[in-house]
């Protein structure tokens, strides 16, 4: 499982802990603020979680579509910001 996020709030440790507690797995984490997140998309994942605001989720979603057009996996958005904040 892959977790992509952008903003530092909540931070990576908090996101990973919350996901581990909720569904019992620890995803591999990559920030879209670092260049290596696109390399992570070249690997095979059973699921991808996109965490962040509209911009982060949109950017990561487009990256997923471009990188994995021929593959199938579960994709989930986890909004971490509230509208208007």
PDB file of N, CA and C in Angstrom:
ATOM      1  N   UNK A   1       0.839  -1.160   0.000  1.00  0.00           N
ATOM      2  CA  UNK A   1       0.000   0.000   0.000  1.00  0.00           C
ATOM      3  C   UNK A   1       0.891   1.233   0.000  1.00  0.00           C
ATOM      4  N   UNK A   2       0.484   2.222  -0.767  1.00  0.00           N
ATOM      5  CA  UNK A   2       1.242   3.459  -0.914  1.00  0.00           C
ATOM      6  C   UNK A   2       0.420   4.616  -0.364  1.00  0.00           C
ATOM      7  N   UNK A   3       1.038   5.488   0.407  1.00  0.00           N
ATOM      8  CA  UNK A   3       0.414   6.709   0.900  1.00  0.00           C
ATOM      9  C   UNK A   3       1.172   7.892   0.323  1.00  0.00           C
ATOM     10  N   UNK A   4       0.476   8.757  -0.409  1.00  0.00           N
ATOM     11  CA  UNK A   4       1.061   9.986  -0.934  1.00  0.00           C
ATOM     12  C   UNK A   4       0.390  11.155  -0.233  1.00  0.00           C
ATOM     13  N   UNK A   5       1.177  12.108   0.257  1.00  0.00           N
ATOM     14  CA  UNK A   5       0.590  13.310   0.851  1.00  0.00           C
ATOM     15  C   UNK A   5       1.463  14.501   0.528  1.00  0.00           C
ATOM     16  N   UNK A   6       0.952  15.681   0.864  1.00  0.00           N
ATOM     17  CA  UNK A   6       1.684  16.891   0.535  1.00  0.00           C
ATOM     18  C   UNK A   6       1.991  17.742   1.738  1.00  0.00           C
ATOM     19  N   UNK A   7       0.978  18.271   2.382  1.00  0.00           N
ATOM     20  CA  UNK A   7       1.160  19.198   3.495  1.00  0.00           C
ATOM     21  C   UNK A   7       1.742  18.494   4.708  1.00  0.00           C
ATOM     22  N   UNK A   8       2.292  19.273   5.584  1.00  0.00           N
ATOM     23  CA  UNK A   8       2.896  18.690   6.782  1.00  0.00           C
ATOM     24  C   UNK A   8       1.899  18.546   7.930  1.00  0.00           C
ATOM     25  N   UNK A   9       0.651  18.926   7.712  1.00  0.00           N
ATOM     26  CA  UNK A   9      -0.355  18.787   8.771  1.00  0.00           C
ATOM     27  C   UNK A   9      -1.561  18.031   8.250  1.00  0.00           C
ATOM     28  N   UNK A  10      -1.901  16.879   8.748  1.00  0.00           N
ATOM     29  CA  UNK A  10      -1.119  16.181   9.757  1.00  0.00           C
ATOM     30  C   UNK A  10       0.182  15.644   9.162  1.00  0.00           C
ATOM     31  N   UNK A  11       1.166  15.433   9.999  1.00  0.00           N
ATOM     32  CA  UNK A  11       2.465  14.982   9.498  1.00  0.00           C
ATOM     33  C   UNK A  11       2.429  13.503   9.119  1.00  0.00           C
ATOM     34  N   UNK A  12       3.488  13.049   8.495  1.00  0.00           N
ATOM     35  CA  UNK A  12       3.559  11.665   7.997  1.00  0.00           C
ATOM     36  C   UNK A  12       3.364  10.657   9.116  1.00  0.00           C
ATOM     37  N   UNK A  13       3.988  10.901  10.265  1.00  0.00           N
ATOM     38  CA  UNK A  13       3.881   9.962  11.379  1.00  0.00           C
ATOM     39  C   UNK A  13       2.431   9.818  11.848  1.00  0.00           C
ATOM     40  N   UNK A  14       1.716  10.926  11.933  1.00  0.00           N
ATOM     41  CA  UNK A  14       0.314  10.899  12.360  1.00  0.00           C
ATOM     42  C   UNK A  14      -0.557  10.174  11.340  1.00  0.00           C
ATOM     43  N   UNK A  15      -0.339  10.459  10.060  1.00  0.00           N
ATOM     44  CA  UNK A  15      -1.101   9.776   9.006  1.00  0.00           C
ATOM     45  C   UNK A  15      -0.866   8.274   9.034  1.00  0.00           C
ATOM     46  N   UNK A  16       0.399   7.875   9.111  1.00  0.00           N
ATOM     47  CA  UNK A  16       0.734   6.449   9.122  1.00  0.00           C
ATOM     48  C   UNK A  16       0.147   5.745  10.341  1.00  0.00           C
ATOM     49  N   UNK A  17       0.224   6.390  11.490  1.00  0.00           N
ATOM     50  CA  UNK A  17      -0.329   5.804  12.715  1.00  0.00           C
ATOM     51  C   UNK A  17      -1.843   5.647  12.602  1.00  0.00           C
ATOM     52  N   UNK A  18      -2.516   6.657  12.086  1.00  0.00           N
ATOM     53  CA  UNK A  18      -3.973   6.609  11.940  1.00  0.00           C
ATOM     54  C   UNK A  18      -4.403   5.496  10.992  1.00  0.00           C
ATOM     55  N   UNK A  19      -3.697   5.340   9.898  1.00  0.00           N
ATOM     56  CA  UNK A  19      -4.032   4.288   8.927  1.00  0.00           C
ATOM     57  C   UNK A  19      -3.755   2.914   9.523  1.00  0.00           C
ATOM     58  N   UNK A  20      -2.633   2.781  10.210  1.00  0.00           N
ATOM     59  CA  UNK A  20      -2.297   1.499  10.842  1.00  0.00           C
ATOM     60  C   UNK A  20      -3.363   1.115  11.874  1.00  0.00           C
ATOM     61  N   UNK A  21      -3.810   2.084  12.676  1.00  0.00           N
ATOM     62  CA  UNK A  21      -4.836   1.810  13.680  1.00  0.00           C
ATOM     63  C   UNK A  21      -6.191   1.505  13.044  1.00  0.00           C
ATOM     64  N   UNK A  22      -6.502   2.180  11.946  1.00  0.00           N
ATOM     65  CA  UNK A  22      -7.812   2.013  11.318  1.00  0.00           C
ATOM     66  C   UNK A  22      -7.950   0.715  10.530  1.00  0.00           C
ATOM     67  N   UNK A  23      -6.897   0.357   9.781  1.00  0.00           N
ATOM     68  CA  UNK A  23      -7.038  -0.815   8.903  1.00  0.00           C
ATOM     69  C   UNK A  23      -5.943  -1.861   9.083  1.00  0.00           C
ATOM     70  N   UNK A  24      -5.026  -1.619  10.014  1.00  0.00           N
ATOM     71  CA  UNK A  24      -4.044  -2.639  10.361  1.00  0.00           C
ATOM     72  C   UNK A  24      -2.884  -2.820   9.403  1.00  0.00           C
ATOM     73  N   UNK A  25      -2.600  -1.833   8.564  1.00  0.00           N
ATOM     74  CA  UNK A  25      -1.449  -1.914   7.667  1.00  0.00           C
ATOM     75  C   UNK A  25      -0.625  -0.636   7.783  1.00  0.00           C
ATOM     76  N   UNK A  26       0.645  -0.745   7.435  1.00  0.00           N
ATOM     77  CA  UNK A  26       1.510   0.425   7.415  1.00  0.00           C
ATOM     78  C   UNK A  26       1.953   0.659   5.968  1.00  0.00           C
ATOM     79  N   UNK A  27       1.372   1.662   5.332  1.00  0.00           N
ATOM     80  CA  UNK A  27       1.735   1.925   3.938  1.00  0.00           C
ATOM     81  C   UNK A  27       3.141   2.508   3.800  1.00  0.00           C
ATOM     82  N   UNK A  28       3.686   2.410   2.612  1.00  0.00           N
ATOM     83  CA  UNK A  28       4.927   3.107   2.290  1.00  0.00           C
ATOM     84  C   UNK A  28       4.563   4.563   2.048  1.00  0.00           C
ATOM     85  N   UNK A  29       5.308   5.480   2.632  1.00  0.00           N
ATOM     86  CA  UNK A  29       4.964   6.903   2.576  1.00  0.00           C
ATOM     87  C   UNK A  29       5.892   7.668   1.637  1.00  0.00           C
ATOM     88  N   UNK A  30       5.280   8.510   0.821  1.00  0.00           N
ATOM     89  CA  UNK A  30       6.034   9.430  -0.030  1.00  0.00           C
ATOM     90  C   UNK A  30       5.320  10.773  -0.023  1.00  0.00           C
ATOM     91  N   UNK A  31       6.074  11.844   0.099  1.00  0.00           N
ATOM     92  CA  UNK A  31       5.523  13.190   0.023  1.00  0.00           C
ATOM     93  C   UNK A  31       5.620  13.679  -1.410  1.00  0.00           C
ATOM     94  N   UNK A  32       4.559  14.317  -1.899  1.00  0.00           N
ATOM     95  CA  UNK A  32       4.635  14.851  -3.261  1.00  0.00           C
ATOM     96  C   UNK A  32       5.484  16.128  -3.306  1.00  0.00           C
ATOM     97  N   UNK A  33       5.972  16.556  -2.149  1.00  0.00           N
ATOM     98  CA  UNK A  33       6.897  17.696  -2.090  1.00  0.00           C
ATOM     99  C   UNK A  33       8.314  17.266  -2.489  1.00  0.00           C
ATOM    100  N   UNK A  34       8.569  15.956  -2.504  1.00  0.00           N
ATOM    101  CA  UNK A  34       9.877  15.417  -2.895  1.00  0.00           C
ATOM    102  C   UNK A  34       9.767  14.766  -4.269  1.00  0.00           C
ATOM    103  N   UNK A  35      10.833  14.811  -5.020  1.00  0.00           N
ATOM    104  CA  UNK A  35      10.823  14.298  -6.396  1.00  0.00           C
ATOM    105  C   UNK A  35      10.625  12.786  -6.480  1.00  0.00           C
ATOM    106  N   UNK A  36      10.957  12.039  -5.443  1.00  0.00           N
ATOM    107  CA  UNK A  36      10.903  10.574  -5.519  1.00  0.00           C
ATOM    108  C   UNK A  36       9.489   9.993  -5.524  1.00  0.00           C
ATOM    109  N   UNK A  37       8.456  10.809  -5.293  1.00  0.00           N
ATOM    110  CA  UNK A  37       7.101  10.259  -5.251  1.00  0.00           C
ATOM    111  C   UNK A  37       6.676   9.702  -6.602  1.00  0.00           C
ATOM    112  N   UNK A  38       7.130  10.300  -7.676  1.00  0.00           N
ATOM    113  CA  UNK A  38       6.777   9.787  -9.009  1.00  0.00           C
ATOM    114  C   UNK A  38       7.455   8.447  -9.280  1.00  0.00           C
ATOM    115  N   UNK A  39       8.670   8.262  -8.758  1.00  0.00           N
ATOM    116  CA  UNK A  39       9.348   6.970  -8.886  1.00  0.00           C
ATOM    117  C   UNK A  39       8.570   5.875  -8.153  1.00  0.00           C
ATOM    118  N   UNK A  40       7.969   6.232  -7.032  1.00  0.00           N
ATOM    119  CA  UNK A  40       7.186   5.256  -6.258  1.00  0.00           C
ATOM    120  C   UNK A  40       6.012   4.723  -7.078  1.00  0.00           C
ATOM    121  N   UNK A  41       5.490   5.542  -7.970  1.00  0.00           N
ATOM    122  CA  UNK A  41       4.344   5.118  -8.778  1.00  0.00           C
ATOM    123  C   UNK A  41       4.702   4.063  -9.815  1.00  0.00           C
ATOM    124  N   UNK A  42       5.990   3.892 -10.092  1.00  0.00           N
ATOM    125  CA  UNK A  42       6.391   2.881 -11.075  1.00  0.00           C
ATOM    126  C   UNK A  42       6.355   1.471 -10.487  1.00  0.00           C
ATOM    127  N   UNK A  43       6.208   1.382  -9.164  1.00  0.00           N
ATOM    128  CA  UNK A  43       6.109   0.081  -8.508  1.00  0.00           C
ATOM    129  C   UNK A  43       4.665  -0.404  -8.526  1.00  0.00           C
ATOM    130  N   UNK A  44       4.484  -1.664  -8.255  1.00  0.00           N
ATOM    131  CA  UNK A  44       3.147  -2.245  -8.226  1.00  0.00           C
ATOM    132  C   UNK A  44       2.578  -2.155  -6.809  1.00  0.00           C
ATOM    133  N   UNK A  45       1.415  -1.546  -6.671  1.00  0.00           N
ATOM    134  CA  UNK A  45       0.754  -1.371  -5.382  1.00  0.00           C
ATOM    135  C   UNK A  45      -0.634  -1.991  -5.445  1.00  0.00           C
ATOM    136  N   UNK A  46      -1.102  -2.523  -4.332  1.00  0.00           N
ATOM    137  CA  UNK A  46      -2.471  -3.026  -4.283  1.00  0.00           C
ATOM    138  C   UNK A  46      -3.457  -1.899  -4.011  1.00  0.00           C
ATOM    139  N   UNK A  47      -2.984  -0.834  -3.356  1.00  0.00           N
ATOM    140  CA  UNK A  47      -3.834   0.313  -3.052  1.00  0.00           C
ATOM    141  C   UNK A  47      -2.977   1.559  -2.913  1.00  0.00           C
ATOM    142  N   UNK A  48      -3.567   2.699  -3.242  1.00  0.00           N
ATOM    143  CA  UNK A  48      -2.889   3.984  -3.102  1.00  0.00           C
ATOM    144  C   UNK A  48      -3.828   4.922  -2.348  1.00  0.00           C
ATOM    145  N   UNK A  49      -3.314   5.556  -1.305  1.00  0.00           N
ATOM    146  CA  UNK A  49      -4.078   6.541  -0.546  1.00  0.00           C
ATOM    147  C   UNK A  49      -3.478   7.915  -0.823  1.00  0.00           C
ATOM    148  N   UNK A  50      -4.312   8.862  -1.216  1.00  0.00           N
ATOM    149  CA  UNK A  50      -3.887  10.231  -1.470  1.00  0.00           C
ATOM    150  C   UNK A  50      -4.391  11.081  -0.313  1.00  0.00           C
ATOM    151  N   UNK A  51      -3.498  11.681   0.452  1.00  0.00           N
ATOM    152  CA  UNK A  51      -3.889  12.477   1.607  1.00  0.00           C
ATOM    153  C   UNK A  51      -3.468  13.922   1.405  1.00  0.00           C
ATOM    154  N   UNK A  52      -4.393  14.838   1.647  1.00  0.00           N
ATOM    155  CA  UNK A  52      -4.075  16.250   1.529  1.00  0.00           C
ATOM    156  C   UNK A  52      -5.278  17.065   1.119  1.00  0.00           C
ATOM    157  N   UNK A  53      -5.007  18.269   0.685  1.00  0.00           N
ATOM    158  CA  UNK A  53      -6.053  19.156   0.205  1.00  0.00           C
ATOM    159  C   UNK A  53      -6.305  18.939  -1.278  1.00  0.00           C
ATOM    160  N   UNK A  54      -7.128  19.796  -1.860  1.00  0.00           N
ATOM    161  CA  UNK A  54      -7.503  19.659  -3.268  1.00  0.00           C
ATOM    162  C   UNK A  54      -6.305  19.601  -4.203  1.00  0.00           C
ATOM    163  N   UNK A  55      -5.344  20.482  -3.996  1.00  0.00           N
ATOM    164  CA  UNK A  55      -4.181  20.552  -4.879  1.00  0.00           C
ATOM    165  C   UNK A  55      -3.336  19.281  -4.799  1.00  0.00           C
ATOM    166  N   UNK A  56      -3.068  18.828  -3.589  1.00  0.00           N
ATOM    167  CA  UNK A  56      -2.257  17.615  -3.396  1.00  0.00           C
ATOM    168  C   UNK A  56      -2.949  16.399  -3.990  1.00  0.00           C
ATOM    169  N   UNK A  57      -4.225  16.235  -3.669  1.00  0.00           N
ATOM    170  CA  UNK A  57      -4.964  15.077  -4.167  1.00  0.00           C
ATOM    171  C   UNK A  57      -5.066  15.119  -5.686  1.00  0.00           C
ATOM    172  N   UNK A  58      -5.329  16.291  -6.249  1.00  0.00           N
ATOM    173  CA  UNK A  58      -5.416  16.419  -7.698  1.00  0.00           C
ATOM    174  C   UNK A  58      -4.097  16.097  -8.388  1.00  0.00           C
ATOM    175  N   UNK A  59      -3.009  16.640  -7.878  1.00  0.00           N
ATOM    176  CA  UNK A  59      -1.681  16.396  -8.463  1.00  0.00           C
ATOM    177  C   UNK A  59      -1.312  14.916  -8.375  1.00  0.00           C
ATOM    178  N   UNK A  60      -1.544  14.321  -7.210  1.00  0.00           N
ATOM    179  CA  UNK A  60      -1.208  12.912  -7.024  1.00  0.00           C
ATOM    180  C   UNK A  60      -2.095  12.013  -7.879  1.00  0.00           C
ATOM    181  N   UNK A  61      -3.370  12.360  -8.006  1.00  0.00           N
ATOM    182  CA  UNK A  61      -4.280  11.569  -8.825  1.00  0.00           C
ATOM    183  C   UNK A  61      -3.837  11.568 -10.286  1.00  0.00           C
ATOM    184  N   UNK A  62      -3.512  12.730 -10.821  1.00  0.00           N
ATOM    185  CA  UNK A  62      -3.035  12.815 -12.203  1.00  0.00           C
ATOM    186  C   UNK A  62      -1.747  12.010 -12.355  1.00  0.00           C
ATOM    187  N   UNK A  63      -0.843  12.087 -11.384  1.00  0.00           N
ATOM    188  CA  UNK A  63       0.389  11.297 -11.433  1.00  0.00           C
ATOM    189  C   UNK A  63       0.101   9.812 -11.467  1.00  0.00           C
ATOM    190  N   UNK A  64      -0.875   9.375 -10.666  1.00  0.00           N
ATOM    191  CA  UNK A  64      -1.259   7.957 -10.642  1.00  0.00           C
ATOM    192  C   UNK A  64      -1.816   7.518 -11.985  1.00  0.00           C
ATOM    193  N   UNK A  65      -2.669   8.326 -12.564  1.00  0.00           N
ATOM    194  CA  UNK A  65      -3.278   7.983 -13.855  1.00  0.00           C
ATOM    195  C   UNK A  65      -2.216   7.896 -14.938  1.00  0.00           C
ATOM    196  N   UNK A  66      -1.329   8.857 -14.994  1.00  0.00           N
ATOM    197  CA  UNK A  66      -0.285   8.861 -16.020  1.00  0.00           C
ATOM    198  C   UNK A  66       0.671   7.683 -15.839  1.00  0.00           C
ATOM    199  N   UNK A  67       1.080   7.417 -14.605  1.00  0.00           N
ATOM    200  CA  UNK A  67       2.076   6.374 -14.349  1.00  0.00           C
ATOM    201  C   UNK A  67       1.527   4.967 -14.490  1.00  0.00           C
ATOM    202  N   UNK A  68       0.257   4.765 -14.197  1.00  0.00           N
ATOM    203  CA  UNK A  68      -0.271   3.410 -14.100  1.00  0.00           C
ATOM    204  C   UNK A  68      -1.485   3.186 -14.997  1.00  0.00           C
ATOM    205  N   UNK A  69      -1.493   3.757 -16.147  1.00  0.00           N
ATOM    206  CA  UNK A  69      -2.643   3.644 -17.031  1.00  0.00           C
ATOM    207  C   UNK A  69      -3.019   2.196 -17.316  1.00  0.00           C
ATOM    208  N   UNK A  70      -2.048   1.304 -17.368  1.00  0.00           N
ATOM    209  CA  UNK A  70      -2.302  -0.086 -17.711  1.00  0.00           C
ATOM    210  C   UNK A  70      -2.575  -0.976 -16.493  1.00  0.00           C
ATOM    211  N   UNK A  71      -2.412  -0.457 -15.295  1.00  0.00           N
ATOM    212  CA  UNK A  71      -2.575  -1.264 -14.087  1.00  0.00           C
ATOM    213  C   UNK A  71      -3.856  -0.896 -13.364  1.00  0.00           C
ATOM    214  N   UNK A  72      -4.295  -1.813 -12.532  1.00  0.00           N
ATOM    215  CA  UNK A  72      -5.483  -1.553 -11.723  1.00  0.00           C
ATOM    216  C   UNK A  72      -5.112  -1.650 -10.252  1.00  0.00           C
ATOM    217  N   UNK A  73      -5.588  -0.703  -9.478  1.00  0.00           N
ATOM    218  CA  UNK A  73      -5.415  -0.736  -8.042  1.00  0.00           C
ATOM    219  C   UNK A  73      -6.482   0.145  -7.420  1.00  0.00           C
ATOM    220  N   UNK A  74      -6.710  -0.039  -6.137  1.00  0.00           N
ATOM    221  CA  UNK A  74      -7.666   0.777  -5.412  1.00  0.00           C
ATOM    222  C   UNK A  74      -7.040   2.133  -5.134  1.00  0.00           C
ATOM    223  N   UNK A  75      -7.837   3.170  -5.303  1.00  0.00           N
ATOM    224  CA  UNK A  75      -7.370   4.534  -5.087  1.00  0.00           C
ATOM    225  C   UNK A  75      -8.339   5.208  -4.130  1.00  0.00           C
ATOM    226  N   UNK A  76      -7.813   5.809  -3.074  1.00  0.00           N
ATOM    227  CA  UNK A  76      -8.644   6.442  -2.078  1.00  0.00           C
ATOM    228  C   UNK A  76      -8.119   7.828  -1.762  1.00  0.00           C
ATOM    229  N   UNK A  77      -9.028   8.801  -1.635  1.00  0.00           N
ATOM    230  CA  UNK A  77      -8.650  10.168  -1.243  1.00  0.00           C
ATOM    231  C   UNK A  77      -8.974  10.358   0.228  1.00  0.00           C
ATOM    232  N   UNK A  78      -8.039  10.942   0.958  1.00  0.00           N
ATOM    233  CA  UNK A  78      -8.208  11.219   2.373  1.00  0.00           C
ATOM    234  C   UNK A  78      -7.996  12.715   2.582  1.00  0.00           C
ATOM    235  N   UNK A  79      -9.077  13.510   2.536  1.00  0.00           N
ATOM    236  CA  UNK A  79      -8.914  14.957   2.704  1.00  0.00           C
ATOM    237  C   UNK A  79      -8.381  15.298   4.088  1.00  0.00           C
ATOM    238  N   UNK A  80      -7.381  16.151   4.151  1.00  0.00           N
ATOM    239  CA  UNK A  80      -6.799  16.525   5.444  1.00  0.00           C
ATOM    240  C   UNK A  80      -6.987  17.993   5.741  1.00  0.00           C
ATOM    241  N   UNK A  81      -7.696  18.717   4.879  1.00  0.00           N
ATOM    242  CA  UNK A  81      -7.982  20.121   5.127  1.00  0.00           C
ATOM    243  C   UNK A  81      -9.480  20.359   4.975  1.00  0.00           C
ATOM    244  N   UNK A  82      -9.968  21.354   5.672  1.00  0.00           N
ATOM    245  CA  UNK A  82     -11.377  21.704   5.574  1.00  0.00           C
ATOM    246  C   UNK A  82     -11.566  22.814   4.561  1.00  0.00           C
ATOM    247  N   UNK A  83     -12.685  22.815   3.821  1.00  0.00           N
ATOM    248  CA  UNK A  83     -12.942  23.880   2.862  1.00  0.00           C
ATOM    249  C   UNK A  83     -12.898  25.247   3.549  1.00  0.00           C
ATOM    250  N   UNK A  84     -12.270  26.196   2.902  1.00  0.00           N
ATOM    251  CA  UNK A  84     -12.185  27.546   3.436  1.00  0.00           C
ATOM    252  C   UNK A  84     -11.115  27.764   4.493  1.00  0.00           C
ATOM    253  N   UNK A  85     -10.304  26.752   4.757  1.00  0.00           N
ATOM    254  CA  UNK A  85      -9.236  26.897   5.764  1.00  0.00           C
ATOM    255  C   UNK A  85      -7.884  26.794   5.135  1.00  0.00           C
TER     256      UNK A  85
END
